Every structure is written in structure tokens, then in C-alpha cells.
Protein backbone atom coordinates (compact mmCIF):
# COMPACT_ATOMS: atom_id res chain seq x y z
CA MET A 1 190.77 111.75 -131.08
CA LYS A 2 188.65 113.85 -133.46
CA LEU A 3 185.46 112.29 -132.05
CA LYS A 4 186.66 113.01 -128.52
CA LYS A 5 187.18 116.69 -129.34
CA GLN A 6 183.78 116.89 -131.01
CA THR A 7 182.17 115.37 -127.92
CA ILE A 8 183.84 117.92 -125.66
CA LEU A 9 182.80 120.76 -127.95
CA LEU A 10 179.20 119.53 -127.91
CA LEU A 11 179.23 119.45 -124.10
CA ILE A 12 180.55 123.00 -124.00
CA ILE A 13 177.73 124.13 -126.29
CA LEU A 14 175.09 122.27 -124.30
CA PHE A 15 176.22 123.40 -120.85
CA GLY A 16 177.89 126.68 -121.71
CA LEU A 17 174.99 128.86 -120.67
CA ASN A 18 175.08 127.62 -117.08
CA THR A 19 178.71 126.68 -116.70
CA SER A 20 181.97 128.53 -116.28
CA PHE A 21 184.90 126.93 -118.07
CA ALA A 22 187.32 129.66 -117.07
CA GLN A 23 187.38 130.07 -113.34
CA ILE A 24 189.86 132.52 -111.89
CA LYS A 25 193.45 132.03 -112.90
CA CYS A 26 195.57 133.18 -109.99
CA LYS A 27 199.14 133.83 -111.02
CA THR A 28 200.50 133.60 -107.50
CA GLU A 29 203.35 131.12 -107.72
CA PHE A 30 205.19 129.18 -105.06
CA SER A 31 208.60 127.59 -105.48
CA SER A 32 209.26 123.91 -104.82
CA ALA A 33 211.20 125.05 -101.76
CA TYR A 34 208.08 126.83 -100.47
CA TYR A 35 206.00 123.67 -100.86
CA THR A 36 208.58 121.87 -98.74
CA TYR A 37 208.42 124.71 -96.22
CA ALA A 38 204.60 124.56 -96.19
CA GLN A 39 204.62 120.82 -95.55
CA ASN A 40 207.04 121.22 -92.65
CA ARG A 41 205.03 124.19 -91.36
CA THR A 42 201.96 122.01 -90.96
CA GLN A 43 203.90 119.58 -88.78
CA ILE A 44 205.22 122.42 -86.63
CA ILE A 45 201.78 123.91 -86.11
CA LEU A 46 200.30 120.51 -85.27
CA SER A 47 203.02 119.98 -82.65
CA GLN A 48 202.17 123.32 -81.05
CA ILE A 49 198.43 122.74 -80.71
CA SER A 50 197.64 121.67 -77.17
CA GLN A 51 194.65 119.53 -76.33
CA ASP A 52 193.00 122.56 -74.73
CA SER A 53 193.31 124.73 -77.85
CA VAL A 54 192.15 122.36 -80.58
CA ILE A 55 188.92 124.30 -81.04
CA SER A 56 189.96 127.82 -80.02
CA LEU A 57 191.94 129.85 -82.53
CA PRO A 58 194.92 132.13 -81.88
CA GLN A 59 194.01 135.81 -81.68
CA ILE A 60 196.28 138.33 -83.43
CA ASN A 61 194.42 141.42 -82.19
CA LYS A 62 195.85 143.76 -84.79
CA THR A 63 194.73 146.07 -87.60
CA LEU A 64 197.13 146.35 -90.53
CA SER A 65 197.37 149.22 -93.02
CA ILE A 66 196.78 149.04 -96.77
CA ALA A 67 197.93 151.39 -99.52
CA ILE A 68 195.79 151.32 -102.67
CA HIS A 69 197.40 152.22 -106.01
CA VAL A 70 195.10 152.58 -109.04
CA ILE A 71 196.84 152.76 -112.40
CA LYS A 72 195.26 155.07 -115.00
CA ASP A 73 194.72 154.07 -118.62
CA SER A 74 196.07 155.90 -121.68
CA LEU A 75 193.17 158.40 -121.47
CA GLY A 76 193.88 159.20 -117.84
CA ASP A 77 190.86 157.29 -116.51
CA VAL A 78 191.06 154.97 -113.49
CA ASN A 79 188.12 152.80 -114.65
CA VAL A 80 187.28 151.56 -111.18
CA ASP A 81 185.08 152.67 -108.31
CA ILE A 82 187.31 152.94 -105.26
CA ASN A 83 184.31 152.01 -103.11
CA ASP A 84 184.36 148.57 -104.72
CA ILE A 85 187.88 148.06 -103.39
CA TYR A 86 186.77 149.20 -99.93
CA ASP A 87 183.91 146.68 -100.13
CA GLU A 88 186.33 143.82 -100.79
CA ILE A 89 188.54 144.92 -97.90
CA ASN A 90 185.46 144.83 -95.67
CA ILE A 91 184.78 141.29 -96.89
CA THR A 92 188.40 140.43 -96.10
CA ASN A 93 187.93 141.83 -92.60
CA ASP A 94 184.89 139.60 -92.08
CA LEU A 95 186.87 136.61 -93.34
CA PHE A 96 189.82 137.24 -91.00
CA LYS A 97 187.65 138.14 -88.00
CA PRO A 98 187.91 134.69 -86.32
CA ILE A 99 191.58 135.44 -85.54
CA ASN A 100 190.94 139.13 -84.86
CA LEU A 101 193.07 140.38 -87.76
CA SER A 102 191.72 143.31 -89.75
CA PHE A 103 192.80 145.81 -92.39
CA ARG A 104 192.28 149.53 -92.93
CA VAL A 105 193.06 151.76 -95.89
CA CYS A 106 195.63 154.37 -94.98
CA SER A 107 196.27 155.84 -98.44
CA VAL A 108 194.87 155.88 -101.98
CA ASP A 109 196.70 157.19 -105.02
CA SER A 110 196.47 157.02 -108.80
CA ILE A 111 199.44 156.31 -111.03
CA ASP A 112 199.68 158.24 -114.31
CA ASN A 113 202.06 155.89 -116.14
CA PHE A 114 199.50 153.98 -118.22
CA GLN A 115 202.03 151.38 -119.39
CA TYR A 116 201.59 149.75 -115.97
CA ASP A 117 197.84 149.46 -116.53
CA ASP A 118 198.49 146.73 -119.10
CA LEU A 119 200.92 143.99 -118.07
CA PHE A 120 199.77 141.65 -120.83
CA HIS A 121 203.07 141.13 -122.67
CA ASN A 122 205.51 138.31 -123.00
CA TYR A 123 206.67 136.89 -119.69
CA ALA A 124 209.97 138.80 -119.50
CA SER A 125 208.42 142.18 -120.35
CA SER A 126 205.52 141.72 -117.96
CA LEU A 127 207.84 140.72 -115.13
CA ARG A 128 210.11 143.70 -115.80
CA GLU A 129 207.26 146.20 -115.82
CA GLU A 130 205.73 144.63 -112.73
CA GLN A 131 209.02 145.04 -110.89
CA GLU A 132 209.30 148.65 -112.07
CA LEU A 133 205.79 149.33 -110.77
CA ILE A 134 206.61 147.85 -107.37
CA ASN A 135 209.98 149.60 -107.10
CA GLN A 136 208.47 153.02 -107.80
CA PHE A 137 205.19 152.88 -105.92
CA TYR A 138 205.67 150.48 -103.02
CA VAL A 139 205.02 151.69 -99.47
CA ASP A 140 207.18 149.91 -96.91
CA SER A 141 205.82 148.00 -93.92
CA ILE A 142 202.22 147.91 -95.11
CA ILE A 143 200.21 145.85 -97.59
CA ASN A 144 200.02 147.33 -101.10
CA ILE A 145 197.18 146.74 -103.57
CA TYR A 146 197.73 147.60 -107.26
CA ALA A 147 194.60 147.74 -109.42
CA ILE A 148 195.26 147.39 -113.16
CA THR A 149 193.14 146.79 -116.25
CA LYS A 150 194.95 143.98 -117.99
CA PHE A 151 197.21 141.29 -116.61
CA SER A 152 197.04 138.49 -119.13
CA GLN A 153 194.43 136.66 -121.13
CA ILE A 154 193.20 134.55 -118.23
CA THR A 155 195.14 135.79 -115.20
CA ALA A 156 193.00 137.70 -112.72
CA CYS A 157 195.40 138.37 -109.89
CA LYS A 158 198.74 137.78 -108.23
CA SER A 159 200.22 138.25 -104.79
CA CYS A 160 203.81 138.30 -103.60
CA LYS A 161 205.22 138.99 -100.15
CA ASN A 162 203.28 142.10 -99.04
CA TYR A 163 201.59 143.22 -102.22
CA MET A 164 198.92 142.08 -104.60
CA ILE A 165 198.14 142.95 -108.22
CA VAL A 166 194.49 142.60 -109.13
CA ARG A 167 192.56 143.29 -112.30
CA LYS A 168 189.91 145.95 -111.90
CA ASP A 169 187.23 143.52 -113.05
CA TYR A 170 188.37 140.85 -110.55
CA LEU A 171 188.41 142.85 -107.33
CA TYR A 172 186.57 140.02 -105.58
CA THR A 173 189.88 138.12 -105.52
CA ILE A 174 191.30 140.50 -102.89
CA PRO A 175 190.39 138.21 -99.93
CA HIS A 176 191.91 135.25 -101.83
CA LEU A 177 195.13 137.20 -102.41
CA MET A 178 195.29 138.24 -98.77
CA GLY A 179 195.27 134.55 -97.91
CA HIS A 180 198.33 134.08 -100.14
CA ILE A 181 200.12 137.02 -98.52
CA PHE A 182 199.72 135.19 -95.21
CA GLY A 183 201.09 131.94 -96.56
CA LEU A 184 198.06 129.98 -97.75
CA LEU A 185 198.40 127.74 -100.81
CA HIS A 186 195.64 126.96 -103.27
CA THR A 187 193.54 124.06 -102.04
CA ASN A 188 194.82 121.93 -104.92
CA GLY A 189 198.44 122.61 -103.90
CA ASN A 190 200.68 122.23 -106.89
CA GLY A 191 197.91 120.53 -108.85
CA ASN A 192 199.47 117.06 -108.90
CA HIS A 193 196.09 115.30 -108.52
CA ALA A 194 197.57 113.24 -105.69
CA GLU A 195 195.53 114.02 -102.58
CA LEU A 196 193.10 111.26 -101.67
CA VAL A 197 189.48 111.88 -100.72
CA ASN A 198 189.82 109.80 -97.54
CA GLY A 199 192.48 112.21 -96.28
CA SER A 200 195.09 109.53 -95.63
CA ASN A 201 197.84 111.54 -97.39
CA CYS A 202 196.60 115.06 -96.59
CA LEU A 203 199.81 115.95 -94.73
CA THR A 204 202.04 115.18 -97.70
CA THR A 205 200.04 116.29 -100.77
CA GLY A 206 197.69 119.05 -101.91
CA ASP A 207 197.84 122.08 -99.61
CA PHE A 208 199.13 119.95 -96.68
CA ILE A 209 195.99 120.82 -94.72
CA CYS A 210 193.67 118.07 -93.54
CA ASP A 211 190.52 120.11 -92.94
CA THR A 212 190.30 121.19 -96.58
CA GLN A 213 188.84 118.60 -98.94
CA ALA A 214 190.96 116.95 -101.60
CA ASP A 215 190.99 119.17 -104.67
CA PRO A 216 191.89 117.63 -108.03
CA GLU A 217 194.11 119.29 -110.57
CA TYR A 218 192.08 121.90 -112.38
CA ASN A 219 193.23 123.92 -115.37
CA PRO A 220 190.46 126.08 -116.85
CA ILE A 221 191.98 125.89 -120.32
CA THR A 222 193.25 122.34 -120.80
CA SER A 223 191.46 120.26 -118.19
CA VAL A 224 188.75 117.71 -118.92
CA LEU A 225 187.22 118.92 -115.65
CA TRP A 226 184.69 121.73 -115.90
CA TYR A 227 183.03 123.74 -113.21
CA HIS A 228 179.29 124.20 -112.80
CA GLU A 229 178.57 127.61 -111.30
CA ASN A 230 175.00 126.86 -110.23
CA ASN A 231 175.77 123.99 -107.88
CA CYS A 232 179.48 124.62 -107.22
CA GLU A 233 180.54 121.23 -108.53
CA LEU A 234 182.91 119.85 -111.12
CA PHE A 235 181.64 117.77 -113.99
CA SER A 236 183.28 115.92 -116.83
CA PRO A 237 182.37 113.52 -119.62
CA TYR A 238 185.12 111.30 -118.20
CA ALA A 239 184.18 109.82 -114.83
CA TYR A 240 187.79 108.90 -114.05
CA SER A 241 188.72 112.57 -113.84
CA LEU A 242 186.19 113.12 -111.03
CA LYS A 243 187.63 110.32 -108.87
CA ASP A 244 190.84 109.96 -106.92
CA PRO A 245 193.29 107.05 -107.38
CA ASN A 246 191.18 105.01 -104.90
CA ASP A 247 188.12 105.45 -107.12
CA ASP A 248 186.46 107.76 -104.56
CA TRP A 249 184.48 110.75 -105.85
CA TYR A 250 185.94 114.18 -105.23
CA MET A 251 183.90 116.60 -103.11
CA ILE A 252 185.69 119.79 -104.06
CA PRO A 253 186.24 122.61 -101.54
CA SER A 254 184.33 125.06 -103.71
CA THR A 255 183.34 127.28 -100.76
CA ASN A 256 186.94 127.76 -99.63
CA TYR A 257 188.50 131.12 -100.44
CA MET A 258 191.78 129.45 -101.42
CA SER A 259 190.18 127.29 -104.10
CA LEU A 260 189.81 128.45 -107.69
CA TYR A 261 186.00 128.16 -107.63
CA SER A 262 185.41 131.82 -106.93
CA ASN A 263 181.65 132.19 -107.21
CA CYS A 264 181.12 129.91 -104.19
CA TRP A 265 183.73 131.38 -101.83
CA CYS A 266 182.60 131.97 -98.25
CA LEU A 267 185.04 130.49 -95.72
CA LEU A 268 188.47 129.45 -94.51
CA THR A 269 189.09 126.44 -92.30
CA ASN A 270 190.35 126.23 -88.73
CA PHE A 271 193.82 125.14 -89.81
CA GLN A 272 194.06 127.79 -92.51
CA TYR A 273 193.49 130.38 -89.78
CA ARG A 274 196.27 128.79 -87.75
CA ILE A 275 198.62 129.13 -90.72
CA ILE A 276 197.76 132.82 -91.09
CA ALA A 277 198.54 133.41 -87.42
CA TYR A 278 201.75 131.38 -87.65
CA GLU A 279 202.94 133.38 -90.67
CA PHE A 280 202.04 136.67 -89.03
CA TYR A 281 204.01 135.99 -85.85
CA LEU A 282 206.95 134.47 -87.72
CA HIS A 283 207.25 136.82 -90.71
CA LYS A 284 204.80 139.75 -90.59
CA THR A 285 204.97 141.42 -87.18
CA TYR A 286 206.75 144.43 -88.71
CA LEU A 287 203.62 145.30 -90.67
CA ARG A 288 201.87 148.36 -89.29
């Protein structure tokens, strides 16, 4: 065991300059009931796709409003360029363009209570302060973005219902969080390492989407899988961890915005867009 740890440490030293071992940690959580819902949702959407509309995507034709809330630190500074948030919303608009869904900023405010700028406490305290923040500064019927300095040691962001909390140094996760708001899971699902590369169980494991590649369990702290930023691939000293139960090599969906491999993000898949549209028409039409 000691030799194994020494080997891992040596690999970290050797590859550390070109490799990220701590990809984004998104704190967005889904209940077991939601995973069941998501699996059933896929079947419903598949049953609604006619032969004529397999390629064409549904068009929402709507622009939704966003309220931006920037929490000040103890010195009264916001520590973020608001233009950087606008830039990420523009990127989100480009990402959602295939279904003609866009977003516009309708209000920007700063919050003086600096205790909400640091939600890095024990779980109960953080959850309580998060709920206080939402209760006091939430704007109904639109999407709310809260920019804070500190969330936790490795957590970059979180989304829930119609709001997202994002660290000021991880603003690039805004498009990822918008995907969560519209029902998208992480590409690795609940991280059970069960989806097969050949796609034979894609409807029952992972993210329950068959046009996203199988994504193995990946924990940036404890995993024996590490992520190479330069070529957007996983690597490991243990070959078994890079293969599925059928001994097929994983080809991770590193370019997908709902993966955890953030530096390679650039796309969503056809079926992910269908889920966004489905969730909008079923649960989000009240948004203005």
C-alpha cells in the first residue's frame, strides 16, 4: 500500500505541470427520485420523437430574464468584473441557440452582507446561510445568479431550481449551471461507473442519454483517474480504471458542457437539447 501511494505521488510530481487533478467540483445534487424521473423522462422524449423530427430540434423561441446578485466582501469590495458575467451569459446564449432559447440581464445588484460572500462552513451552517441568501434576495419568475468568493475548498458552483451560486473565480461554469437548471445531469450520472462504452445500457445508467459517451466515475480528490488538460483525456497508472466492465477503453465526453472536464467544454448533444426543451415546456414556462 505504501509503495502504491509513493507511485501515485511520483506520477503527480511528474505530470503535475501539465495536468489538472482538481477539475471543477459542481455541488449541484440530484435525489435518487430525480434520477428515476430522469430515466423515465428519456423514455417519454424518445416516444415523442417522430421519424420526421429526428434531426430537427424543438424551438423554444423565448428570451428569459436573469437577475445578477454580487455579494461584497468584508471590505465592501465586489471583487469581480460584471462584464465577465455578461461574457458567460453570452456564451450561454450561443450554447442554447440551437433551440432558440436565450437569456438577458434585467437587473444587477450588490449585497452588503459579507457573511454570504463566504459559504465555506460546516454543511449545516452553509446550507442555512445559503437559504437565508436566497430568501432575502431572490427575484421571482426569473433566473437568479449569485456570485460569491468562497463556497468550499473544492466546490466551484451549485444550481437549484431557478438559481445558481457561482464562485467569482469560476464564472465559466455559468453555462454548465444553466444546463442543470433545465434538468441536465452530469454526463457521469451518479458516478456509479456502470455505463458501458458500447452504449448497450445507456438508457438505464449514467445520464440516461445515448448520444453522450460513457463517462466513468471521477472524483478529483480520491480517484485513481486523473485528467490531462492538454489533450482532454483521462489517464491513470491503473489501466483497469480507464476501461469499462467489458474491457473497452473509455472515450470521455470532455467537450460536453455537462461533464466535469471544464477546460474542453464546447457543446451539448441533440438529446440534451431535447431535455432542455422538455423541461422548459413542462416546468419553466412561467419564467419571464
